[in-house]
Protein backbone atom coordinates (compact mmCIF):
# COMPACT_ATOMS: atom_id res chain seq x y z
CA MET A 1 81.18 85.78 106.76
CA ARG A 2 83.01 85.05 109.61
CA ALA A 3 81.29 83.00 112.36
CA THR A 4 82.14 81.17 115.59
CA VAL A 5 82.10 77.91 115.72
CA THR A 6 82.62 74.87 118.56
CA VAL A 7 84.69 71.77 118.04
CA THR A 8 83.15 68.45 120.13
CA SER A 9 85.14 65.74 121.95
CA ARG A 10 84.49 63.82 119.02
CA GLY A 11 86.17 66.33 116.98
CA LEU A 12 82.26 67.50 114.95
CA VAL A 13 82.20 71.62 113.76
CA THR A 14 78.82 72.33 112.88
CA LEU A 15 78.88 74.96 110.21
CA PRO A 16 75.44 77.63 111.21
CA ALA A 17 72.91 77.80 108.78
CA LYS A 18 73.70 81.19 107.46
CA LEU A 19 76.51 79.95 106.50
CA ARG A 20 76.28 76.92 104.97
CA LYS A 21 72.99 79.26 102.89
CA VAL A 22 75.77 81.89 101.44
CA LEU A 23 78.52 78.90 100.61
CA GLY A 24 75.57 76.80 98.72
CA LEU A 25 76.13 74.18 100.79
CA LYS A 26 73.81 71.25 101.46
CA ALA A 27 73.69 68.37 103.51
CA ASP A 28 76.04 65.56 102.51
CA ASP A 29 78.43 67.72 100.84
CA GLN A 30 82.55 67.10 101.25
CA LEU A 31 85.08 69.31 102.23
CA ILE A 32 88.37 69.72 102.25
CA ALA A 33 90.20 70.95 105.53
CA GLU A 34 93.80 72.25 105.04
CA ALA A 35 96.17 73.63 107.53
CA THR A 36 98.02 76.88 106.68
CA PRO A 37 99.87 79.41 107.67
CA GLU A 38 96.97 81.78 109.04
CA GLY A 39 95.02 78.74 110.22
CA LEU A 40 92.40 76.61 108.87
CA LEU A 41 90.82 76.38 105.43
CA LEU A 42 87.83 74.83 104.57
CA ARG A 43 86.80 74.45 100.86
CA PRO A 44 84.55 72.48 98.35
CA ALA A 45 85.55 69.30 97.35
CA VAL A 46 85.19 68.01 94.22
CA THR A 47 83.82 64.09 93.76
CA LEU A 48 82.78 62.26 91.02
CA PRO A 49 80.51 59.48 91.32
CA VAL A 50 82.20 56.23 89.94
CA GLU A 51 80.49 53.39 88.11
CA ILE A 52 81.82 49.89 88.26
CA TYR A 53 80.62 47.58 85.33
CA SER A 54 79.19 45.01 85.93
CA ASP A 55 79.80 41.43 83.59
CA ARG A 56 76.05 42.87 82.61
CA ARG A 57 76.99 46.30 81.81
CA ILE A 58 80.19 45.19 80.09
CA ARG A 59 78.26 43.22 78.00
CA GLU A 60 75.85 45.84 76.64
CA PHE A 61 79.30 47.75 75.86
CA ASP A 62 80.44 45.09 73.68
CA GLU A 63 76.98 44.60 72.20
CA ALA A 64 76.94 48.81 71.21
CA GLU A 65 79.80 48.50 70.41
CA ALA A 66 79.32 45.37 68.01
CA GLU A 67 76.42 47.38 66.70
CA LEU A 68 78.06 50.23 65.81
CA GLY A 69 80.44 48.40 63.85
CA ARG A 70 78.24 47.19 62.09
CA PHE A 71 77.06 50.79 60.62
CA LEU A 72 80.21 52.61 60.38
CA PRO A 73 82.26 50.97 57.75
CA LYS A 74 78.75 51.32 55.38
CA GLN A 75 79.33 54.93 56.01
CA ILE A 76 82.91 55.55 55.54
CA LYS A 77 82.15 53.57 52.17
CA GLN A 78 79.48 55.79 51.24
CA LYS A 79 81.50 58.88 51.94
CA SER A 80 85.30 57.64 50.18
CA SER A 81 83.39 56.77 47.32
CA LYS A 82 81.09 60.63 46.80
CA THR A 83 84.79 62.00 47.09
CA ARG A 84 86.57 59.99 44.71
CA ARG A 85 83.84 61.06 42.12
CA ARG A 86 84.50 64.11 42.31
């Protein structure tokens, strides 16, 4: 699909609704603009959410890990004693 778009004085380009729909683009999606020998290439950018851990969240991880540490040694001992009996 082809579409003619206009670049505003501020450098903004509006993609026609039909083109956005065909490409599955929605508000706030990010695109990578790249100059190629053939012209301008726009492609979807892959963005991943990032969580910045607060001190409280880090304590939650530490507590969960400690709880898991209390549980795992028992499970490992039980499995190793069962395999030794065979």
